[in-house]
Amino acid sequence: MIIFPELKTVGLFLLTALAEIIGCYLSYLWLREDKTIWLLVPAAFSLALFVWLLSLHPTNTGRVYAAYGGVYVFMAIMWLWLIDGVRPTSWDIVGSAIAILGMAIIMFAPNNS
């Protein structure tokens, strides 16, 4: 089965963002919601997974970090909706679409580097 490199890149970005958001969310629960300190164990694992996943991209790190930001914005809005139960506004959706478009331009436009 052949996987298009673009799908692999987007999928990797989505997993990376999920790992980062979970790690931060678990830390937030401990810091702000008085949940158990033991949440920091899976939070640390999740954030370490985030760093490792981000390192798997085969292109320049600066480009990867810039493009990843667009996917993170999208995933954070999805988290807001699916986990926090807050329906995104039309502005949230437009902003996320622009962020994803920015990621696609950065990662998939022809370049000479």
PDB file of N, CA and C in Angstrom:
ATOM      1  N   MET A   1       0.833  -1.183   0.000  1.00  0.00           N
ATOM      2  CA  MET A   1       0.000   0.000   0.000  1.00  0.00           C
ATOM      3  C   MET A   1       0.877   1.245   0.000  1.00  0.00           C
ATOM      4  N   ILE A   2       0.620   2.130  -0.919  1.00  0.00           N
ATOM      5  CA  ILE A   2       1.395   3.357  -1.033  1.00  0.00           C
ATOM      6  C   ILE A   2       0.667   4.466  -0.277  1.00  0.00           C
ATOM      7  N   ILE A   3       1.386   5.125   0.610  1.00  0.00           N
ATOM      8  CA  ILE A   3       0.833   6.252   1.337  1.00  0.00           C
ATOM      9  C   ILE A   3       1.443   7.511   0.761  1.00  0.00           C
ATOM     10  N   PHE A   4       0.603   8.440   0.368  1.00  0.00           N
ATOM     11  CA  PHE A   4       1.093   9.706  -0.151  1.00  0.00           C
ATOM     12  C   PHE A   4       1.870  10.425   0.936  1.00  0.00           C
ATOM     13  N   PRO A   5       3.010  11.010   0.583  1.00  0.00           N
ATOM     14  CA  PRO A   5       3.819  11.689   1.605  1.00  0.00           C
ATOM     15  C   PRO A   5       3.047  12.805   2.316  1.00  0.00           C
ATOM     16  N   GLU A   6       2.137  13.465   1.604  1.00  0.00           N
ATOM     17  CA  GLU A   6       1.355  14.533   2.228  1.00  0.00           C
ATOM     18  C   GLU A   6       0.443  13.997   3.330  1.00  0.00           C
ATOM     19  N   LEU A   7      -0.159  12.845   3.086  1.00  0.00           N
ATOM     20  CA  LEU A   7      -1.020  12.241   4.118  1.00  0.00           C
ATOM     21  C   LEU A   7      -0.198  11.810   5.327  1.00  0.00           C
ATOM     22  N   LYS A   8       0.979  11.284   5.063  1.00  0.00           N
ATOM     23  CA  LYS A   8       1.859  10.871   6.152  1.00  0.00           C
ATOM     24  C   LYS A   8       2.264  12.088   6.993  1.00  0.00           C
ATOM     25  N   THR A   9       2.587  13.190   6.327  1.00  0.00           N
ATOM     26  CA  THR A   9       2.982  14.407   7.023  1.00  0.00           C
ATOM     27  C   THR A   9       1.842  14.943   7.878  1.00  0.00           C
ATOM     28  N   VAL A  10       0.649  15.043   7.302  1.00  0.00           N
ATOM     29  CA  VAL A  10      -0.502  15.558   8.046  1.00  0.00           C
ATOM     30  C   VAL A  10      -0.852  14.624   9.201  1.00  0.00           C
ATOM     31  N   GLY A  11      -0.833  13.328   8.963  1.00  0.00           N
ATOM     32  CA  GLY A  11      -1.119  12.373  10.029  1.00  0.00           C
ATOM     33  C   GLY A  11      -0.124  12.477  11.173  1.00  0.00           C
ATOM     34  N   LEU A  12       1.145  12.634  10.833  1.00  0.00           N
ATOM     35  CA  LEU A  12       2.181  12.784  11.848  1.00  0.00           C
ATOM     36  C   LEU A  12       1.978  14.078  12.634  1.00  0.00           C
ATOM     37  N   PHE A  13       1.635  15.148  11.947  1.00  0.00           N
ATOM     38  CA  PHE A  13       1.340  16.411  12.630  1.00  0.00           C
ATOM     39  C   PHE A  13       0.138  16.263  13.569  1.00  0.00           C
ATOM     40  N   LEU A  14      -0.904  15.574  13.135  1.00  0.00           N
ATOM     41  CA  LEU A  14      -2.091  15.394  13.974  1.00  0.00           C
ATOM     42  C   LEU A  14      -1.759  14.606  15.240  1.00  0.00           C
ATOM     43  N   LEU A  15      -0.985  13.532  15.094  1.00  0.00           N
ATOM     44  CA  LEU A  15      -0.563  12.750  16.266  1.00  0.00           C
ATOM     45  C   LEU A  15       0.318  13.580  17.196  1.00  0.00           C
ATOM     46  N   THR A  16       1.200  14.370  16.601  1.00  0.00           N
ATOM     47  CA  THR A  16       2.091  15.226  17.382  1.00  0.00           C
ATOM     48  C   THR A  16       1.291  16.226  18.204  1.00  0.00           C
ATOM     49  N   ALA A  17       0.326  16.865  17.563  1.00  0.00           N
ATOM     50  CA  ALA A  17      -0.495  17.854  18.265  1.00  0.00           C
ATOM     51  C   ALA A  17      -1.313  17.201  19.378  1.00  0.00           C
ATOM     52  N   LEU A  18      -1.850  16.028  19.108  1.00  0.00           N
ATOM     53  CA  LEU A  18      -2.626  15.328  20.126  1.00  0.00           C
ATOM     54  C   LEU A  18      -1.757  15.004  21.343  1.00  0.00           C
ATOM     55  N   ALA A  19      -0.538  14.544  21.105  1.00  0.00           N
ATOM     56  CA  ALA A  19       0.372  14.233  22.212  1.00  0.00           C
ATOM     57  C   ALA A  19       0.684  15.488  23.026  1.00  0.00           C
ATOM     58  N   GLU A  20       0.903  16.604  22.345  1.00  0.00           N
ATOM     59  CA  GLU A  20       1.200  17.845  23.064  1.00  0.00           C
ATOM     60  C   GLU A  20      -0.003  18.323  23.869  1.00  0.00           C
ATOM     61  N   ILE A  21      -1.160  18.301  23.259  1.00  0.00           N
ATOM     62  CA  ILE A  21      -2.360  18.782  23.944  1.00  0.00           C
ATOM     63  C   ILE A  21      -2.683  17.903  25.155  1.00  0.00           C
ATOM     64  N   ILE A  22      -2.567  16.595  25.008  1.00  0.00           N
ATOM     65  CA  ILE A  22      -2.838  15.697  26.143  1.00  0.00           C
ATOM     66  C   ILE A  22      -1.859  15.971  27.286  1.00  0.00           C
ATOM     67  N   GLY A  23      -0.575  16.102  26.956  1.00  0.00           N
ATOM     68  CA  GLY A  23       0.416  16.382  27.994  1.00  0.00           C
ATOM     69  C   GLY A  23       0.148  17.684  28.720  1.00  0.00           C
ATOM     70  N   CYS A  24      -0.206  18.709  27.971  1.00  0.00           N
ATOM     71  CA  CYS A  24      -0.511  20.003  28.590  1.00  0.00           C
ATOM     72  C   CYS A  24      -1.819  19.958  29.374  1.00  0.00           C
ATOM     73  N   TYR A  25      -2.805  19.263  28.846  1.00  0.00           N
ATOM     74  CA  TYR A  25      -4.103  19.179  29.514  1.00  0.00           C
ATOM     75  C   TYR A  25      -3.983  18.450  30.859  1.00  0.00           C
ATOM     76  N   LEU A  26      -3.237  17.365  30.878  1.00  0.00           N
ATOM     77  CA  LEU A  26      -3.054  16.633  32.138  1.00  0.00           C
ATOM     78  C   LEU A  26      -2.334  17.498  33.173  1.00  0.00           C
ATOM     79  N   SER A  27      -1.352  18.261  32.727  1.00  0.00           N
ATOM     80  CA  SER A  27      -0.659  19.184  33.635  1.00  0.00           C
ATOM     81  C   SER A  27      -1.616  20.263  34.130  1.00  0.00           C
ATOM     82  N   TYR A  28      -2.451  20.765  33.241  1.00  0.00           N
ATOM     83  CA  TYR A  28      -3.462  21.768  33.602  1.00  0.00           C
ATOM     84  C   TYR A  28      -4.410  21.216  34.674  1.00  0.00           C
ATOM     85  N   LEU A  29      -4.837  19.967  34.489  1.00  0.00           N
ATOM     86  CA  LEU A  29      -5.746  19.374  35.476  1.00  0.00           C
ATOM     87  C   LEU A  29      -5.112  19.368  36.864  1.00  0.00           C
ATOM     88  N   TRP A  30      -3.827  19.065  36.947  1.00  0.00           N
ATOM     89  CA  TRP A  30      -3.142  19.052  38.229  1.00  0.00           C
ATOM     90  C   TRP A  30      -2.990  20.480  38.782  1.00  0.00           C
ATOM     91  N   LEU A  31      -2.549  21.399  37.919  1.00  0.00           N
ATOM     92  CA  LEU A  31      -2.270  22.758  38.377  1.00  0.00           C
ATOM     93  C   LEU A  31      -3.516  23.568  38.710  1.00  0.00           C
ATOM     94  N   ARG A  32      -4.543  23.447  37.897  1.00  0.00           N
ATOM     95  CA  ARG A  32      -5.696  24.342  38.025  1.00  0.00           C
ATOM     96  C   ARG A  32      -6.958  23.688  38.565  1.00  0.00           C
ATOM     97  N   GLU A  33      -7.045  22.380  38.459  1.00  0.00           N
ATOM     98  CA  GLU A  33      -8.277  21.694  38.858  1.00  0.00           C
ATOM     99  C   GLU A  33      -8.088  20.817  40.096  1.00  0.00           C
ATOM    100  N   ASP A  34      -6.938  20.939  40.739  1.00  0.00           N
ATOM    101  CA  ASP A  34      -6.638  20.183  41.964  1.00  0.00           C
ATOM    102  C   ASP A  34      -6.760  18.678  41.801  1.00  0.00           C
ATOM    103  N   LYS A  35      -6.378  18.172  40.639  1.00  0.00           N
ATOM    104  CA  LYS A  35      -6.360  16.721  40.425  1.00  0.00           C
ATOM    105  C   LYS A  35      -5.038  16.175  40.951  1.00  0.00           C
ATOM    106  N   THR A  36      -4.925  14.866  40.977  1.00  0.00           N
ATOM    107  CA  THR A  36      -3.758  14.206  41.554  1.00  0.00           C
ATOM    108  C   THR A  36      -2.455  14.560  40.811  1.00  0.00           C
ATOM    109  N   ILE A  37      -1.396  14.650  41.597  1.00  0.00           N
ATOM    110  CA  ILE A  37      -0.080  14.928  41.025  1.00  0.00           C
ATOM    111  C   ILE A  37       0.379  13.796  40.098  1.00  0.00           C
ATOM    112  N   TRP A  38      -0.206  12.633  40.267  1.00  0.00           N
ATOM    113  CA  TRP A  38       0.166  11.488  39.434  1.00  0.00           C
ATOM    114  C   TRP A  38      -0.178  11.701  37.959  1.00  0.00           C
ATOM    115  N   LEU A  39      -1.001  12.680  37.667  1.00  0.00           N
ATOM    116  CA  LEU A  39      -1.281  13.012  36.262  1.00  0.00           C
ATOM    117  C   LEU A  39      -0.028  13.514  35.539  1.00  0.00           C
ATOM    118  N   LEU A  40       0.955  13.950  36.329  1.00  0.00           N
ATOM    119  CA  LEU A  40       2.186  14.436  35.705  1.00  0.00           C
ATOM    120  C   LEU A  40       2.998  13.311  35.059  1.00  0.00           C
ATOM    121  N   VAL A  41       2.787  12.086  35.504  1.00  0.00           N
ATOM    122  CA  VAL A  41       3.517  10.950  34.906  1.00  0.00           C
ATOM    123  C   VAL A  41       3.074  10.735  33.457  1.00  0.00           C
ATOM    124  N   PRO A  42       1.770  10.521  33.180  1.00  0.00           N
ATOM    125  CA  PRO A  42       1.377  10.391  31.781  1.00  0.00           C
ATOM    126  C   PRO A  42       1.569  11.700  31.006  1.00  0.00           C
ATOM    127  N   ALA A  43       1.495  12.846  31.694  1.00  0.00           N
ATOM    128  CA  ALA A  43       1.735  14.128  31.015  1.00  0.00           C
ATOM    129  C   ALA A  43       3.167  14.185  30.494  1.00  0.00           C
ATOM    130  N   ALA A  44       4.111  13.786  31.316  1.00  0.00           N
ATOM    131  CA  ALA A  44       5.518  13.793  30.894  1.00  0.00           C
ATOM    132  C   ALA A  44       5.745  12.819  29.745  1.00  0.00           C
ATOM    133  N   PHE A  45       5.141  11.650  29.822  1.00  0.00           N
ATOM    134  CA  PHE A  45       5.255  10.682  28.738  1.00  0.00           C
ATOM    135  C   PHE A  45       4.684  11.262  27.448  1.00  0.00           C
ATOM    136  N   SER A  46       3.528  11.882  27.548  1.00  0.00           N
ATOM    137  CA  SER A  46       2.872  12.445  26.374  1.00  0.00           C
ATOM    138  C   SER A  46       3.696  13.575  25.760  1.00  0.00           C
ATOM    139  N   LEU A  47       4.285  14.416  26.606  1.00  0.00           N
ATOM    140  CA  LEU A  47       5.115  15.505  26.083  1.00  0.00           C
ATOM    141  C   LEU A  47       6.421  14.982  25.487  1.00  0.00           C
ATOM    142  N   ALA A  48       6.974  13.926  26.054  1.00  0.00           N
ATOM    143  CA  ALA A  48       8.166  13.306  25.453  1.00  0.00           C
ATOM    144  C   ALA A  48       7.799  12.697  24.095  1.00  0.00           C
ATOM    145  N   LEU A  49       6.640  12.078  24.001  1.00  0.00           N
ATOM    146  CA  LEU A  49       6.161  11.538  22.729  1.00  0.00           C
ATOM    147  C   LEU A  49       5.989  12.661  21.713  1.00  0.00           C
ATOM    148  N   PHE A  50       5.463  13.783  22.142  1.00  0.00           N
ATOM    149  CA  PHE A  50       5.318  14.956  21.279  1.00  0.00           C
ATOM    150  C   PHE A  50       6.662  15.364  20.675  1.00  0.00           C
ATOM    151  N   VAL A  51       7.681  15.471  21.497  1.00  0.00           N
ATOM    152  CA  VAL A  51       9.007  15.876  21.018  1.00  0.00           C
ATOM    153  C   VAL A  51       9.553  14.851  20.026  1.00  0.00           C
ATOM    154  N   TRP A  52       9.416  13.585  20.347  1.00  0.00           N
ATOM    155  CA  TRP A  52       9.908  12.538  19.449  1.00  0.00           C
ATOM    156  C   TRP A  52       9.171  12.573  18.114  1.00  0.00           C
ATOM    157  N   LEU A  53       7.849  12.683  18.144  1.00  0.00           N
ATOM    158  CA  LEU A  53       7.081  12.722  16.900  1.00  0.00           C
ATOM    159  C   LEU A  53       7.463  13.927  16.050  1.00  0.00           C
ATOM    160  N   LEU A  54       7.679  15.060  16.684  1.00  0.00           N
ATOM    161  CA  LEU A  54       8.051  16.259  15.940  1.00  0.00           C
ATOM    162  C   LEU A  54       9.406  16.093  15.262  1.00  0.00           C
ATOM    163  N   SER A  55      10.255  15.254  15.840  1.00  0.00           N
ATOM    164  CA  SER A  55      11.592  15.041  15.266  1.00  0.00           C
ATOM    165  C   SER A  55      11.583  14.091  14.068  1.00  0.00           C
ATOM    166  N   LEU A  56      10.471  13.448  13.775  1.00  0.00           N
ATOM    167  CA  LEU A  56      10.430  12.453  12.705  1.00  0.00           C
ATOM    168  C   LEU A  56      10.275  13.048  11.307  1.00  0.00           C
ATOM    169  N   HIS A  57       9.981  14.317  11.214  1.00  0.00           N
ATOM    170  CA  HIS A  57       9.803  14.935   9.901  1.00  0.00           C
ATOM    171  C   HIS A  57      11.147  15.091   9.206  1.00  0.00           C
ATOM    172  N   PRO A  58      11.191  14.775   7.911  1.00  0.00           N
ATOM    173  CA  PRO A  58      12.467  14.752   7.197  1.00  0.00           C
ATOM    174  C   PRO A  58      12.912  16.100   6.632  1.00  0.00           C
ATOM    175  N   THR A  59      12.253  17.182   6.977  1.00  0.00           N
ATOM    176  CA  THR A  59      12.625  18.482   6.415  1.00  0.00           C
ATOM    177  C   THR A  59      13.221  19.376   7.495  1.00  0.00           C
ATOM    178  N   ASN A  60      13.582  20.579   7.123  1.00  0.00           N
ATOM    179  CA  ASN A  60      14.234  21.531   8.035  1.00  0.00           C
ATOM    180  C   ASN A  60      13.367  21.778   9.269  1.00  0.00           C
ATOM    181  N   THR A  61      14.010  21.841  10.426  1.00  0.00           N
ATOM    182  CA  THR A  61      13.251  21.967  11.671  1.00  0.00           C
ATOM    183  C   THR A  61      12.432  23.246  11.734  1.00  0.00           C
ATOM    184  N   GLY A  62      12.980  24.355  11.294  1.00  0.00           N
ATOM    185  CA  GLY A  62      12.236  25.614  11.329  1.00  0.00           C
ATOM    186  C   GLY A  62      10.953  25.538  10.520  1.00  0.00           C
ATOM    187  N   ARG A  63      11.031  24.923   9.355  1.00  0.00           N
ATOM    188  CA  ARG A  63       9.844  24.755   8.511  1.00  0.00           C
ATOM    189  C   ARG A  63       8.831  23.841   9.201  1.00  0.00           C
ATOM    190  N   VAL A  64       9.314  22.775   9.790  1.00  0.00           N
ATOM    191  CA  VAL A  64       8.425  21.843  10.490  1.00  0.00           C
ATOM    192  C   VAL A  64       7.732  22.543  11.654  1.00  0.00           C
ATOM    193  N   TYR A  65       8.484  23.297  12.450  1.00  0.00           N
ATOM    194  CA  TYR A  65       7.891  23.976  13.603  1.00  0.00           C
ATOM    195  C   TYR A  65       6.840  24.996  13.160  1.00  0.00           C
ATOM    196  N   ALA A  66       7.136  25.738  12.105  1.00  0.00           N
ATOM    197  CA  ALA A  66       6.194  26.737  11.608  1.00  0.00           C
ATOM    198  C   ALA A  66       4.920  26.080  11.108  1.00  0.00           C
ATOM    199  N   ALA A  67       5.056  25.030  10.327  1.00  0.00           N
ATOM    200  CA  ALA A  67       3.887  24.348   9.774  1.00  0.00           C
ATOM    201  C   ALA A  67       3.107  23.634  10.869  1.00  0.00           C
ATOM    202  N   TYR A  68       3.802  23.058  11.819  1.00  0.00           N
ATOM    203  CA  TYR A  68       3.137  22.354  12.919  1.00  0.00           C
ATOM    204  C   TYR A  68       2.188  23.280  13.677  1.00  0.00           C
ATOM    205  N   GLY A  69       2.572  24.530  13.811  1.00  0.00           N
ATOM    206  CA  GLY A  69       1.731  25.485  14.520  1.00  0.00           C
ATOM    207  C   GLY A  69       0.326  25.561  13.938  1.00  0.00           C
ATOM    208  N   GLY A  70       0.215  25.468  12.623  1.00  0.00           N
ATOM    209  CA  GLY A  70      -1.100  25.498  11.981  1.00  0.00           C
ATOM    210  C   GLY A  70      -1.944  24.299  12.349  1.00  0.00           C
ATOM    211  N   VAL A  71      -1.322  23.140  12.400  1.00  0.00           N
ATOM    212  CA  VAL A  71      -2.052  21.927  12.776  1.00  0.00           C
ATOM    213  C   VAL A  71      -2.430  21.979  14.252  1.00  0.00           C
ATOM    214  N   TYR A  72      -1.547  22.525  15.074  1.00  0.00           N
ATOM    215  CA  TYR A  72      -1.852  22.651  16.501  1.00  0.00           C
ATOM    216  C   TYR A  72      -3.098  23.509  16.720  1.00  0.00           C
ATOM    217  N   VAL A  73      -3.197  24.606  15.991  1.00  0.00           N
ATOM    218  CA  VAL A  73      -4.369  25.475  16.109  1.00  0.00           C
ATOM    219  C   VAL A  73      -5.639  24.678  15.800  1.00  0.00           C
ATOM    220  N   PHE A  74      -5.628  23.931  14.715  1.00  0.00           N
ATOM    221  CA  PHE A  74      -6.778  23.110  14.340  1.00  0.00           C
ATOM    222  C   PHE A  74      -7.114  22.094  15.426  1.00  0.00           C
ATOM    223  N   MET A  75      -6.103  21.386  15.917  1.00  0.00           N
ATOM    224  CA  MET A  75      -6.336  20.353  16.931  1.00  0.00           C
ATOM    225  C   MET A  75      -6.830  20.963  18.247  1.00  0.00           C
ATOM    226  N   ALA A  76      -6.344  22.142  18.600  1.00  0.00           N
ATOM    227  CA  ALA A  76      -6.807  22.792  19.826  1.00  0.00           C
ATOM    228  C   ALA A  76      -8.289  23.156  19.727  1.00  0.00           C
ATOM    229  N   ILE A  77      -8.717  23.588  18.560  1.00  0.00           N
ATOM    230  CA  ILE A  77     -10.137  23.901  18.363  1.00  0.00           C
ATOM    231  C   ILE A  77     -10.964  22.612  18.413  1.00  0.00           C
ATOM    232  N   MET A  78     -10.440  21.534  17.846  1.00  0.00           N
ATOM    233  CA  MET A  78     -11.149  20.249  17.931  1.00  0.00           C
ATOM    234  C   MET A  78     -11.251  19.786  19.383  1.00  0.00           C
ATOM    235  N   TRP A  79     -10.194  19.975  20.158  1.00  0.00           N
ATOM    236  CA  TRP A  79     -10.201  19.625  21.584  1.00  0.00           C
ATOM    237  C   TRP A  79     -11.260  20.445  22.317  1.00  0.00           C
ATOM    238  N   LEU A  80     -11.300  21.736  22.013  1.00  0.00           N
ATOM    239  CA  LEU A  80     -12.292  22.618  22.604  1.00  0.00           C
ATOM    240  C   LEU A  80     -13.693  22.057  22.400  1.00  0.00           C
ATOM    241  N   TRP A  81     -13.949  21.574  21.215  1.00  0.00           N
ATOM    242  CA  TRP A  81     -15.273  21.074  20.859  1.00  0.00           C
ATOM    243  C   TRP A  81     -15.537  19.685  21.444  1.00  0.00           C
ATOM    244  N   LEU A  82     -14.613  18.741  21.187  1.00  0.00           N
ATOM    245  CA  LEU A  82     -14.866  17.344  21.529  1.00  0.00           C
ATOM    246  C   LEU A  82     -14.620  17.005  22.998  1.00  0.00           C
ATOM    247  N   ILE A  83     -13.666  17.662  23.630  1.00  0.00           N
ATOM    248  CA  ILE A  83     -13.329  17.341  25.027  1.00  0.00           C
ATOM    249  C   ILE A  83     -13.940  18.355  25.994  1.00  0.00           C
ATOM    250  N   ASP A  84     -13.772  19.644  25.687  1.00  0.00           N
ATOM    251  CA  ASP A  84     -14.311  20.676  26.575  1.00  0.00           C
ATOM    252  C   ASP A  84     -15.803  20.912  26.362  1.00  0.00           C
ATOM    253  N   GLY A  85     -16.340  20.417  25.259  1.00  0.00           N
ATOM    254  CA  GLY A  85     -17.770  20.558  24.995  1.00  0.00           C
ATOM    255  C   GLY A  85     -18.190  21.952  24.581  1.00  0.00           C
ATOM    256  N   VAL A  86     -17.266  22.749  24.084  1.00  0.00           N
ATOM    257  CA  VAL A  86     -17.569  24.108  23.639  1.00  0.00           C
ATOM    258  C   VAL A  86     -17.591  24.124  22.117  1.00  0.00           C
ATOM    259  N   ARG A  87     -18.738  24.449  21.565  1.00  0.00           N
ATOM    260  CA  ARG A  87     -18.869  24.457  20.105  1.00  0.00           C
ATOM    261  C   ARG A  87     -18.051  25.607  19.513  1.00  0.00           C
ATOM    262  N   PRO A  88     -17.212  25.305  18.530  1.00  0.00           N
ATOM    263  CA  PRO A  88     -16.413  26.373  17.907  1.00  0.00           C
ATOM    264  C   PRO A  88     -17.307  27.404  17.208  1.00  0.00           C
ATOM    265  N   THR A  89     -16.868  28.638  17.260  1.00  0.00           N
ATOM    266  CA  THR A  89     -17.574  29.697  16.543  1.00  0.00           C
ATOM    267  C   THR A  89     -17.177  29.651  15.073  1.00  0.00           C
ATOM    268  N   SER A  90     -17.882  30.396  14.270  1.00  0.00           N
ATOM    269  CA  SER A  90     -17.494  30.468  12.856  1.00  0.00           C
ATOM    270  C   SER A  90     -16.102  31.078  12.724  1.00  0.00           C
ATOM    271  N   TRP A  91     -15.726  31.969  13.629  1.00  0.00           N
ATOM    272  CA  TRP A  91     -14.387  32.555  13.615  1.00  0.00           C
ATOM    273  C   TRP A  91     -13.325  31.506  13.951  1.00  0.00           C
ATOM    274  N   ASP A  92     -13.637  30.621  14.893  1.00  0.00           N
ATOM    275  CA  ASP A  92     -12.721  29.525  15.225  1.00  0.00           C
ATOM    276  C   ASP A  92     -12.482  28.649  13.993  1.00  0.00           C
ATOM    277  N   ILE A  93     -13.555  28.350  13.291  1.00  0.00           N
ATOM    278  CA  ILE A  93     -13.454  27.475  12.123  1.00  0.00           C
ATOM    279  C   ILE A  93     -12.673  28.151  10.999  1.00  0.00           C
ATOM    280  N   VAL A  94     -12.969  29.419  10.740  1.00  0.00           N
ATOM    281  CA  VAL A  94     -12.233  30.158   9.695  1.00  0.00           C
ATOM    282  C   VAL A  94     -10.758  30.268  10.066  1.00  0.00           C
ATOM    283  N   GLY A  95     -10.493  30.603  11.308  1.00  0.00           N
ATOM    284  CA  GLY A  95      -9.098  30.709  11.751  1.00  0.00           C
ATOM    285  C   GLY A  95      -8.355  29.395  11.627  1.00  0.00           C
ATOM    286  N   SER A  96      -9.009  28.289  11.993  1.00  0.00           N
ATOM    287  CA  SER A  96      -8.392  26.964  11.864  1.00  0.00           C
ATOM    288  C   SER A  96      -8.133  26.617  10.407  1.00  0.00           C
ATOM    289  N   ALA A  97      -9.084  26.940   9.540  1.00  0.00           N
ATOM    290  CA  ALA A  97      -8.897  26.662   8.112  1.00  0.00           C
ATOM    291  C   ALA A  97      -7.721  27.451   7.551  1.00  0.00           C
ATOM    292  N   ILE A  98      -7.588  28.703   7.970  1.00  0.00           N
ATOM    293  CA  ILE A  98      -6.452  29.515   7.521  1.00  0.00           C
ATOM    294  C   ILE A  98      -5.143  28.932   8.043  1.00  0.00           C
ATOM    295  N   ALA A  99      -5.146  28.478   9.291  1.00  0.00           N
ATOM    296  CA  ALA A  99      -3.938  27.878   9.869  1.00  0.00           C
ATOM    297  C   ALA A  99      -3.544  26.614   9.106  1.00  0.00           C
ATOM    298  N   ILE A 100      -4.524  25.775   8.754  1.00  0.00           N
ATOM    299  CA  ILE A 100      -4.244  24.552   7.990  1.00  0.00           C
ATOM    300  C   ILE A 100      -3.743  24.908   6.593  1.00  0.00           C
ATOM    301  N   LEU A 101      -4.334  25.923   5.988  1.00  0.00           N
ATOM    302  CA  LEU A 101      -3.857  26.372   4.683  1.00  0.00           C
ATOM    303  C   LEU A 101      -2.409  26.837   4.778  1.00  0.00           C
ATOM    304  N   GLY A 102      -2.090  27.560   5.837  1.00  0.00           N
ATOM    305  CA  GLY A 102      -0.705  27.990   6.049  1.00  0.00           C
ATOM    306  C   GLY A 102       0.241  26.804   6.182  1.00  0.00           C
ATOM    307  N   MET A 103      -0.183  25.788   6.920  1.00  0.00           N
ATOM    308  CA  MET A 103       0.646  24.583   7.051  1.00  0.00           C
ATOM    309  C   MET A 103       0.876  23.950   5.694  1.00  0.00           C
ATOM    310  N   ALA A 104      -0.182  23.833   4.894  1.00  0.00           N
ATOM    311  CA  ALA A 104      -0.064  23.192   3.583  1.00  0.00           C
ATOM    312  C   ALA A 104       0.868  23.975   2.668  1.00  0.00           C
ATOM    313  N   ILE A 105       0.775  25.292   2.712  1.00  0.00           N
ATOM    314  CA  ILE A 105       1.661  26.117   1.873  1.00  0.00           C
ATOM    315  C   ILE A 105       3.108  25.923   2.295  1.00  0.00           C
ATOM    316  N   ILE A 106       3.360  25.955   3.591  1.00  0.00           N
ATOM    317  CA  ILE A 106       4.738  25.817   4.092  1.00  0.00           C
ATOM    318  C   ILE A 106       5.298  24.433   3.769  1.00  0.00           C
ATOM    319  N   MET A 107       4.523  23.388   3.993  1.00  0.00           N
ATOM    320  CA  MET A 107       5.056  22.030   3.858  1.00  0.00           C
ATOM    321  C   MET A 107       5.057  21.501   2.430  1.00  0.00           C
ATOM    322  N   PHE A 108       4.094  21.890   1.611  1.00  0.00           N
ATOM    323  CA  PHE A 108       3.919  21.225   0.326  1.00  0.00           C
ATOM    324  C   PHE A 108       4.226  22.080  -0.882  1.00  0.00           C
ATOM    325  N   ALA A 109       4.528  23.365  -0.683  1.00  0.00           N
ATOM    326  CA  ALA A 109       4.906  24.185  -1.827  1.00  0.00           C
ATOM    327  C   ALA A 109       6.292  23.779  -2.309  1.00  0.00           C
ATOM    328  N   PRO A 110       6.527  23.855  -3.607  1.00  0.00           N
ATOM    329  CA  PRO A 110       7.867  23.510  -4.105  1.00  0.00           C
ATOM    330  C   PRO A 110       8.907  24.459  -3.498  1.00  0.00           C
ATOM    331  N   ASN A 111      10.032  23.894  -3.102  1.00  0.00           N
ATOM    332  CA  ASN A 111      11.128  24.737  -2.599  1.00  0.00           C
ATOM    333  C   ASN A 111      12.440  24.093  -3.004  1.00  0.00           C
ATOM    334  N   ASN A 112      13.467  24.865  -2.907  1.00  0.00           N
ATOM    335  CA  ASN A 112      14.793  24.408  -3.336  1.00  0.00           C
ATOM    336  C   ASN A 112      15.707  24.044  -2.184  1.00  0.00           C
ATOM    337  N   SER A 113      15.158  23.895  -0.993  1.00  0.00           N
ATOM    338  CA  SER A 113      16.035  23.575   0.151  1.00  0.00           C
ATOM    339  C   SER A 113      15.856  22.166   0.595  1.00  0.00           C
TER     340      SER A 113
END
